[in-house]
Amino acid sequence: MSQTKTIEVEIDGKPHTVEYKTSLKFGEIEKLRKQTYKGKNPLESEFDIMLYKRLLMESAIVKAPFNPKNYTEIYELDGDVVQKIEDALLEEFPLARTFSFLGKIMSIPEEMKD
């Protein structure tokens, strides 16, 4: 079982705790990759950062005063609250780590360099 962290947020003037995972299962990571990264060529691909953040909230949040799978509820929250949650999640799950395979795919092996 993965460990969790918490952050405190204020919603409607009341303090609340948001608990989130510190690691995701491989299947959850693959879902993030598959749904947010489009393209066969890493140099000519598209990445949907908004969808990545939503899916990350959905996958990582364990306990919150809102349903992390209900985007309408999230959209109704104060922007500072959502930003604080996103910042914590992106610190725990940076794009560079989630998509580290791209650097490996795009790197040129030493024997092929001039």
Protein backbone atom coordinates (compact mmCIF):
# COMPACT_ATOMS: atom_id res chain seq x y z
CA MET A 1 0.00 0.00 0.00
CA SER A 2 1.33 3.41 -0.91
CA GLN A 3 2.01 6.11 1.62
CA THR A 4 0.06 9.32 1.70
CA LYS A 5 0.63 12.99 2.46
CA THR A 6 -1.82 15.68 3.42
CA ILE A 7 -2.27 19.36 2.77
CA GLU A 8 -4.61 21.77 4.48
CA VAL A 9 -6.96 23.90 2.40
CA GLU A 10 -9.73 26.32 3.23
CA ILE A 11 -13.06 25.88 1.49
CA ASP A 12 -15.92 28.25 2.23
CA GLY A 13 -14.02 29.59 5.23
CA LYS A 14 -13.58 26.16 6.83
CA PRO A 15 -10.34 24.17 7.11
CA HIS A 16 -10.21 20.83 5.30
CA THR A 17 -7.59 18.16 4.74
CA VAL A 18 -6.77 16.71 1.33
CA GLU A 19 -4.94 13.38 1.46
CA TYR A 20 -3.06 12.12 -1.58
CA LYS A 21 -0.87 9.18 -2.56
CA THR A 22 2.89 9.53 -2.80
CA SER A 23 3.09 6.91 -5.53
CA LEU A 24 0.78 5.55 -8.18
CA LYS A 25 0.33 2.04 -9.48
CA PHE A 26 1.88 1.34 -12.86
CA GLY A 27 -1.57 1.07 -14.45
CA GLU A 28 -2.49 4.53 -13.16
CA ILE A 29 0.71 5.99 -14.60
CA GLU A 30 0.07 4.30 -17.95
CA LYS A 31 -3.48 5.71 -17.99
CA LEU A 32 -2.05 9.20 -17.44
CA ARG A 33 0.44 8.69 -20.25
CA LYS A 34 -2.01 7.16 -22.71
CA GLN A 35 -4.76 9.71 -22.23
CA THR A 36 -2.62 12.86 -22.12
CA TYR A 37 0.17 12.18 -24.63
CA LYS A 38 -0.77 11.84 -28.28
CA GLY A 39 1.66 11.07 -31.06
CA LYS A 40 3.85 8.38 -32.49
CA ASN A 41 6.87 10.63 -32.96
CA PRO A 42 8.07 12.27 -29.69
CA LEU A 43 9.20 15.32 -31.67
CA GLU A 44 5.76 15.83 -33.23
CA SER A 45 3.40 15.03 -30.40
CA GLU A 46 0.72 16.74 -28.37
CA PHE A 47 0.40 16.84 -24.62
CA ASP A 48 -2.77 17.82 -22.75
CA ILE A 49 -1.62 19.40 -19.47
CA MET A 50 -5.17 20.20 -18.34
CA LEU A 51 -6.23 16.59 -18.71
CA TYR A 52 -3.02 15.45 -17.01
CA LYS A 53 -3.80 17.57 -13.94
CA ARG A 54 -7.42 16.36 -13.80
CA LEU A 55 -6.44 12.69 -14.14
CA LEU A 56 -3.68 13.16 -11.58
CA MET A 57 -6.22 14.53 -9.08
CA GLU A 58 -8.52 11.63 -9.87
CA SER A 59 -5.77 9.03 -9.43
CA ALA A 60 -3.83 10.45 -6.50
CA ILE A 61 -6.38 12.00 -4.14
CA VAL A 62 -7.46 9.56 -1.46
CA LYS A 63 -9.59 11.82 0.73
CA ALA A 64 -10.97 15.30 0.10
CA PRO A 65 -13.98 17.45 0.94
CA PHE A 66 -14.98 17.11 -2.72
CA ASN A 67 -15.19 14.25 -5.18
CA PRO A 68 -11.95 14.31 -7.22
CA LYS A 69 -13.69 12.47 -10.06
CA ASN A 70 -16.44 15.09 -10.31
CA TYR A 71 -14.99 17.88 -12.44
CA THR A 72 -18.02 20.11 -11.83
CA GLU A 73 -17.25 20.09 -8.10
CA ILE A 74 -13.59 20.87 -8.77
CA TYR A 75 -14.47 23.71 -11.15
CA GLU A 76 -16.64 25.27 -8.44
CA LEU A 77 -13.75 25.42 -5.94
CA ASP A 78 -11.76 28.60 -5.42
CA GLY A 79 -8.84 28.79 -7.86
CA ASP A 80 -6.31 29.20 -5.03
CA VAL A 81 -7.52 25.96 -3.43
CA VAL A 82 -7.21 24.00 -6.66
CA GLN A 83 -3.81 25.57 -7.38
CA LYS A 84 -2.52 24.54 -3.94
CA ILE A 85 -3.67 20.95 -4.53
CA GLU A 86 -2.24 20.86 -8.06
CA ASP A 87 1.09 22.27 -6.83
CA ALA A 88 1.36 19.52 -4.20
CA LEU A 89 0.48 16.81 -6.72
CA LEU A 90 2.83 18.12 -9.40
CA GLU A 91 5.63 18.29 -6.85
CA GLU A 92 4.99 14.65 -5.98
CA PHE A 93 4.43 13.56 -9.60
CA PRO A 94 6.45 15.91 -11.83
CA LEU A 95 5.96 15.62 -15.56
CA ALA A 96 9.66 14.90 -16.03
CA ARG A 97 9.28 11.71 -13.98
CA THR A 98 5.96 10.58 -15.43
CA PHE A 99 7.22 11.08 -18.97
CA SER A 100 10.90 10.24 -18.43
CA PHE A 101 10.69 7.59 -21.14
CA LEU A 102 10.50 10.35 -23.76
CA GLY A 103 14.03 11.50 -23.01
CA LYS A 104 15.25 7.94 -23.38
CA ILE A 105 13.42 7.49 -26.67
CA MET A 106 14.76 10.76 -28.09
CA SER A 107 18.36 10.38 -26.93
CA ILE A 108 20.96 9.39 -29.48
CA PRO A 109 23.18 6.45 -28.54
CA GLU A 110 26.90 7.32 -28.25
CA GLU A 111 27.85 5.03 -31.11
CA MET A 112 25.56 6.95 -33.50
CA LYS A 113 26.95 10.41 -32.65
CA ASP A 114 29.48 11.99 -35.03
